[in-house]
């Protein structure tokens, strides 16, 4: 092969290898976090969307590379198409990439603001805690760390997308805090399909530690969160009914269907449900403007009504 042909092919092959580190998280992380940033900022200009996607993807990449060099034997079972088990890159070279991404993420963040650099640094530290310091080995720490890192991605993406890179609006802050709460209590929905590989590596996820209780928990949590979010964001009757109905469907799937293929399909539905609520800040801005922000007044009304009754 002509060397002039070989060089571009090698570059494209390497870029595709890097992309493969994050391919499985596009649906559950890159797309919903980008939607969140665009909705919560709100987006200052169409060109800023590319910057936002790049910031989110770079930080997602550094997390995924760190995670995948830790337990390549798990990926041979659960995700054999990932770069390391597929033989596209060695663990040694992936480790070099993992640490090279740290200054890249920090430098890119520093171009915008000190606040964004702090968010980037927080994401990098939590990544090290999760991977190098075994934060993923116990169910509680795994869920909490993953949810907090997800919140970091949302805060960072929102800062990049906004006109002011130094602060997030009250609505955006509330939305990010809600994401951490929702994700930490429901993200084990993704662990059912990976149970075989997790057992192989000694990781204790909720589906492994509590196989029956974890399905009941997810079956109840998704519908309950759907109702709470619909009320908090003051969705109209049609939107609220559709969102709650879909949440009930997703939760019911996890309780009724238990095969690996069923869990994979249920996880896709969970990703869709989880992505939908990232659009609610935009819904709020459209109907209420940027001055107000959602509150828990509806809970007080419900409790007062219950007490009176």
Protein backbone atom coordinates (compact mmCIF):
# COMPACT_ATOMS: atom_id res chain seq x y z
CA UNK A 1 0.00 0.00 0.00
CA UNK A 2 1.19 3.51 -0.85
CA UNK A 3 2.38 5.29 2.31
CA UNK A 4 0.38 8.37 1.29
CA UNK A 5 -2.74 6.22 1.45
CA UNK A 6 -1.68 4.40 4.59
CA UNK A 7 -1.22 7.54 6.75
CA UNK A 8 -4.81 8.87 6.43
CA UNK A 9 -6.18 5.37 6.96
CA UNK A 10 -4.13 5.02 10.15
CA UNK A 11 -5.40 8.37 11.41
CA UNK A 12 -9.02 7.44 10.75
CA UNK A 13 -8.46 4.05 12.39
CA UNK A 14 -7.00 5.68 15.51
CA UNK A 15 -9.85 8.19 15.69
CA UNK A 16 -12.36 5.37 15.40
CA UNK A 17 -10.58 3.52 18.21
CA UNK A 18 -10.89 6.59 20.43
CA UNK A 19 -14.57 6.91 19.49
CA UNK A 20 -15.19 3.28 20.48
CA UNK A 21 -14.23 4.09 24.08
CA UNK A 22 -17.36 6.24 24.33
CA UNK A 23 -19.76 4.62 21.85
CA UNK A 24 -21.76 2.73 24.49
CA UNK A 25 -22.31 5.94 26.48
CA UNK A 26 -23.63 8.11 23.67
CA UNK A 27 -27.25 7.22 24.44
CA UNK A 28 -27.05 7.36 28.23
CA UNK A 29 -24.55 10.23 28.66
CA UNK A 30 -23.49 12.31 25.65
CA UNK A 31 -26.96 12.89 24.17
CA UNK A 32 -28.89 13.59 27.41
CA UNK A 33 -26.13 15.75 28.92
CA UNK A 34 -25.94 17.80 25.71
CA UNK A 35 -29.72 18.18 25.73
CA UNK A 36 -29.53 19.24 29.36
CA UNK A 37 -26.82 21.85 28.70
CA UNK A 38 -28.71 23.31 25.74
CA UNK A 39 -31.94 23.44 27.76
CA UNK A 40 -30.52 24.63 31.10
CA UNK A 41 -28.03 27.27 29.87
CA UNK A 42 -29.92 28.07 27.58
CA UNK A 43 -27.68 27.77 24.49
CA UNK A 44 -26.12 31.16 23.71
CA UNK A 45 -25.50 30.47 19.99
CA UNK A 46 -25.66 27.55 17.54
CA UNK A 47 -21.86 27.52 17.22
CA UNK A 48 -21.55 27.05 20.98
CA UNK A 49 -23.23 23.65 20.60
CA UNK A 50 -20.05 22.18 19.06
CA UNK A 51 -17.94 23.48 21.95
CA UNK A 52 -20.41 22.01 24.42
CA UNK A 53 -20.41 18.58 22.79
CA UNK A 54 -16.60 18.56 22.64
CA UNK A 55 -16.23 19.46 26.33
CA UNK A 56 -18.70 16.79 27.42
CA UNK A 57 -17.19 14.16 25.11
CA UNK A 58 -13.59 14.82 26.22
CA UNK A 59 -14.48 14.37 29.89
CA UNK A 60 -16.60 11.34 29.10
CA UNK A 61 -13.66 9.92 27.13
CA UNK A 62 -11.18 10.33 29.97
CA UNK A 63 -13.58 8.58 32.34
CA UNK A 64 -14.25 5.71 29.94
CA UNK A 65 -10.59 5.11 29.13
CA UNK A 66 -9.78 5.02 32.87
CA UNK A 67 -12.66 2.62 33.44
CA UNK A 68 -11.86 0.28 30.55
CA UNK A 69 -8.16 -0.17 31.35
CA UNK A 70 -9.15 -1.28 34.83
CA UNK A 71 -11.10 -4.43 33.96
CA UNK A 72 -10.64 -5.46 30.31
CA UNK A 73 -11.62 -9.02 31.25
CA UNK A 74 -15.11 -7.75 32.13
CA UNK A 75 -15.46 -6.17 28.70
CA UNK A 76 -14.58 -9.48 27.05
CA UNK A 77 -17.88 -10.76 28.47
CA UNK A 78 -20.14 -7.70 28.46
CA UNK A 79 -18.78 -5.47 25.67
CA UNK A 80 -16.29 -7.34 23.44
CA UNK A 81 -16.48 -4.63 20.75
CA UNK A 82 -14.71 -2.11 22.98
CA UNK A 83 -11.19 -1.17 21.79
CA UNK A 84 -9.11 -3.17 24.31
CA UNK A 85 -10.89 -6.56 24.11
CA UNK A 86 -11.24 -6.07 20.33
CA UNK A 87 -7.44 -5.75 20.07
CA UNK A 88 -7.46 -2.24 18.61
CA UNK A 89 -5.29 -0.82 21.42
CA UNK A 90 -3.19 -2.27 24.23
CA UNK A 91 -3.76 -1.57 27.91
CA UNK A 92 -0.36 0.16 28.00
CA UNK A 93 -1.23 2.57 25.19
CA UNK A 94 -4.70 3.17 26.63
CA UNK A 95 -3.10 4.05 29.98
CA UNK A 96 -0.93 6.66 28.26
CA UNK A 97 -4.06 8.07 26.61
CA UNK A 98 -5.91 8.07 29.93
CA UNK A 99 -3.33 10.34 31.64
CA UNK A 100 -2.71 12.49 28.54
CA UNK A 101 -6.39 13.43 28.61
CA UNK A 102 -6.10 14.97 32.10
CA UNK A 103 -4.14 18.12 31.06
CA UNK A 104 -6.14 18.31 27.83
CA UNK A 105 -9.44 18.47 29.73
CA UNK A 106 -8.10 21.04 32.20
CA UNK A 107 -6.55 23.22 29.50
CA UNK A 108 -9.71 23.22 27.41
CA UNK A 109 -11.78 24.17 30.46
CA UNK A 110 -9.36 26.96 31.39
CA UNK A 111 -10.11 28.64 28.05
CA UNK A 112 -13.59 29.46 29.38
CA UNK A 113 -13.45 30.22 33.10
CA UNK A 114 -12.00 29.31 36.48
CA UNK A 115 -15.39 27.93 37.46
CA UNK A 116 -15.39 25.51 34.53
CA UNK A 117 -11.81 24.49 35.35
CA UNK A 118 -12.95 23.63 38.89
CA UNK A 119 -15.78 21.49 37.50
CA UNK A 120 -13.29 19.75 35.20
CA UNK A 121 -10.88 19.11 38.08
CA UNK A 122 -13.72 17.72 40.19
CA UNK A 123 -14.69 15.35 37.39
CA UNK A 124 -11.08 14.16 37.06
CA UNK A 125 -10.74 13.56 40.81
CA UNK A 126 -14.01 11.63 41.02
CA UNK A 127 -12.88 9.60 37.99
CA UNK A 128 -9.71 8.60 39.85
CA UNK A 129 -11.71 7.74 42.97
CA UNK A 130 -14.12 5.60 40.96
CA UNK A 131 -11.50 3.73 38.94
CA UNK A 132 -8.02 3.82 40.48
CA UNK A 133 -9.33 3.74 44.06
CA UNK A 134 -12.08 1.13 43.55
CA UNK A 135 -15.06 3.39 44.14
CA UNK A 136 -17.00 1.18 41.73
CA UNK A 137 -16.65 -2.02 43.72
CA UNK A 138 -19.54 -1.43 46.15
CA UNK A 139 -23.13 -0.66 45.10
CA UNK A 140 -23.63 2.51 47.15
CA UNK A 141 -20.35 4.22 46.26
CA UNK A 142 -20.70 3.17 42.62
CA UNK A 143 -24.13 4.77 42.31
CA UNK A 144 -23.25 7.94 44.20
CA UNK A 145 -19.95 8.55 42.39
CA UNK A 146 -21.49 7.91 38.99
CA UNK A 147 -24.38 10.29 39.73
CA UNK A 148 -22.03 13.02 41.00
CA UNK A 149 -19.82 12.71 37.90
CA UNK A 150 -22.93 12.91 35.75
CA UNK A 151 -23.79 16.13 37.55
CA UNK A 152 -20.28 17.44 36.84
CA UNK A 153 -20.78 16.76 33.13
CA UNK A 154 -24.08 18.64 33.21
CA UNK A 155 -22.68 21.62 35.12
CA UNK A 156 -19.67 21.82 32.82
CA UNK A 157 -21.71 21.47 29.65
CA UNK A 158 -24.11 24.17 30.86
CA UNK A 159 -21.26 26.58 31.61
CA UNK A 160 -19.82 26.06 28.12
CA UNK A 161 -23.19 26.49 26.41
CA UNK A 162 -24.19 29.63 28.34
CA UNK A 163 -23.36 33.23 27.47
CA UNK A 164 -21.85 33.64 30.94
CA UNK A 165 -19.27 30.90 31.56
CA UNK A 166 -18.93 31.73 35.26
CA UNK A 167 -22.36 30.80 36.66
CA UNK A 168 -25.35 28.52 36.20
CA UNK A 169 -28.90 29.82 36.58
CA UNK A 170 -31.08 28.77 39.52
CA UNK A 171 -33.17 26.65 37.16
CA UNK A 172 -30.05 24.96 35.78
CA UNK A 173 -28.71 24.31 39.27
CA UNK A 174 -31.97 22.75 40.42
CA UNK A 175 -32.09 20.61 37.29
CA UNK A 176 -28.51 19.37 37.82
CA UNK A 177 -29.22 18.51 41.47
CA UNK A 178 -32.33 16.62 40.38
CA UNK A 179 -30.30 14.64 37.86
CA UNK A 180 -27.87 13.54 40.57
CA UNK A 181 -30.78 12.44 42.76
CA UNK A 182 -32.63 10.64 39.96
CA UNK A 183 -29.51 8.96 38.56
CA UNK A 184 -28.14 7.81 41.91
CA UNK A 185 -31.44 6.08 42.73
CA UNK A 186 -32.09 4.52 39.30
CA UNK A 187 -28.79 3.98 37.51
CA UNK A 188 -28.59 0.34 38.61
CA UNK A 189 -31.09 -0.13 35.76
CA UNK A 190 -27.96 -0.33 33.59
CA UNK A 191 -26.38 -3.04 35.74
CA UNK A 192 -28.89 -5.86 35.13
CA UNK A 193 -27.60 -6.56 31.62
CA UNK A 194 -23.96 -6.55 32.82
CA UNK A 195 -24.39 -8.85 35.82
CA UNK A 196 -22.37 -11.74 34.34
CA UNK A 197 -19.31 -9.61 33.67
CA UNK A 198 -19.58 -7.83 37.02
CA UNK A 199 -19.57 -11.19 38.85
CA UNK A 200 -16.45 -12.17 36.89
CA UNK A 201 -14.55 -9.13 38.17
CA UNK A 202 -15.86 -9.28 41.75
CA UNK A 203 -17.87 -6.06 41.46
CA UNK A 204 -20.93 -5.98 43.75
CA UNK A 205 -23.74 -4.08 42.04
CA UNK A 206 -27.29 -3.85 43.37
CA UNK A 207 -28.64 -6.48 40.93
CA UNK A 208 -25.97 -8.92 42.15
CA UNK A 209 -26.24 -8.11 45.86
CA UNK A 210 -30.05 -7.82 45.92
CA UNK A 211 -31.45 -9.45 42.76
CA UNK A 212 -35.14 -9.29 43.73
CA UNK A 213 -35.14 -6.08 45.77
CA UNK A 214 -33.22 -4.18 43.07
CA UNK A 215 -35.91 -4.95 40.48
CA UNK A 216 -38.69 -3.90 42.84
CA UNK A 217 -36.77 -0.71 43.66
CA UNK A 218 -36.28 0.28 40.02
CA UNK A 219 -39.87 -0.70 39.22
CA UNK A 220 -41.12 1.76 41.84
CA UNK A 221 -38.48 4.49 41.54
CA UNK A 222 -38.96 5.28 37.85
CA UNK A 223 -42.76 5.81 38.05
CA UNK A 224 -42.45 7.79 41.31
CA UNK A 225 -39.72 10.03 39.88
CA UNK A 226 -41.86 10.50 36.76
CA UNK A 227 -44.75 11.83 38.86
CA UNK A 228 -42.44 14.04 40.94
CA UNK A 229 -40.71 15.55 37.89
CA UNK A 230 -43.98 16.16 36.05
CA UNK A 231 -45.31 18.09 39.06
CA UNK A 232 -42.09 19.98 39.80
CA UNK A 233 -41.64 21.21 36.22
CA UNK A 234 -45.38 21.91 35.94
CA UNK A 235 -45.88 19.95 32.74
CA UNK A 236 -49.18 20.33 30.94
CA UNK A 237 -51.69 17.50 31.33
CA UNK A 238 -50.86 15.78 28.03
CA UNK A 239 -47.06 15.91 28.51
CA UNK A 240 -47.32 14.83 32.14
CA UNK A 241 -49.61 11.90 31.32
CA UNK A 242 -47.33 10.70 28.52
CA UNK A 243 -44.15 10.99 30.62
CA UNK A 244 -45.64 9.27 33.67
CA UNK A 245 -47.18 6.51 31.53
CA UNK A 246 -43.83 5.86 29.86
CA UNK A 247 -42.09 5.80 33.24
CA UNK A 248 -44.60 3.23 34.50
CA UNK A 249 -43.99 1.12 31.40
CA UNK A 250 -40.21 1.23 31.84
CA UNK A 251 -40.39 0.37 35.54
CA UNK A 252 -42.79 -2.49 34.91
CA UNK A 253 -40.48 -3.96 32.26
CA UNK A 254 -37.66 -4.37 34.78
CA UNK A 255 -39.94 -6.21 37.19
CA UNK A 256 -41.56 -8.54 34.66
CA UNK A 257 -38.81 -9.36 32.13
CA UNK A 258 -35.57 -10.85 33.45
CA UNK A 259 -33.52 -12.33 30.58
CA UNK A 260 -30.30 -10.65 29.45
CA UNK A 261 -31.91 -9.59 26.16
CA UNK A 262 -34.92 -8.24 28.03
CA UNK A 263 -32.63 -6.26 30.33
CA UNK A 264 -30.77 -4.80 27.34
CA UNK A 265 -34.05 -3.67 25.81
CA UNK A 266 -35.29 -2.31 29.13
CA UNK A 267 -32.03 -0.38 29.53
CA UNK A 268 -32.63 1.32 26.18
CA UNK A 269 -36.07 2.38 27.35
CA UNK A 270 -34.53 3.64 30.60
CA UNK A 271 -32.03 5.71 28.60
CA UNK A 272 -34.88 7.27 26.63
CA UNK A 273 -36.87 8.03 29.79
CA UNK A 274 -33.79 9.50 31.45
CA UNK A 275 -33.03 11.66 28.40
CA UNK A 276 -36.56 13.05 28.23
CA UNK A 277 -36.44 14.70 31.63
CA UNK A 278 -33.31 16.60 30.57
CA UNK A 279 -35.56 18.67 28.30
CA UNK A 280 -37.72 19.93 31.16
CA UNK A 281 -35.58 23.03 31.91
CA UNK A 282 -36.26 24.20 28.33
CA UNK A 283 -39.97 23.55 28.90
CA UNK A 284 -39.79 25.65 32.06
CA UNK A 285 -37.97 28.54 30.33
CA UNK A 286 -40.52 28.51 27.50
CA UNK A 287 -43.52 28.74 29.82
CA UNK A 288 -42.10 30.72 32.75
CA UNK A 289 -39.12 32.67 31.42
CA UNK A 290 -35.67 32.94 33.00
CA UNK A 291 -36.70 34.87 36.12
CA UNK A 292 -38.57 32.18 38.07
CA UNK A 293 -37.48 28.69 38.98
CA UNK A 294 -39.30 25.48 40.00
CA UNK A 295 -40.15 24.98 43.66
CA UNK A 296 -41.49 22.30 45.97
CA UNK A 297 -44.67 24.24 46.72
CA UNK A 298 -46.73 21.42 45.22
CA UNK A 299 -45.43 19.08 47.94
CA UNK A 300 -46.62 21.46 50.63
CA UNK A 301 -50.04 21.57 48.99
CA UNK A 302 -50.20 17.78 48.85
CA UNK A 303 -49.10 17.41 52.48
CA UNK A 304 -51.48 20.11 53.67
CA UNK A 305 -54.29 18.43 51.76
CA UNK A 306 -53.43 15.10 53.36
CA UNK A 307 -53.35 16.62 56.84
CA UNK A 308 -56.68 18.38 56.34
CA UNK A 309 -58.25 15.18 55.01
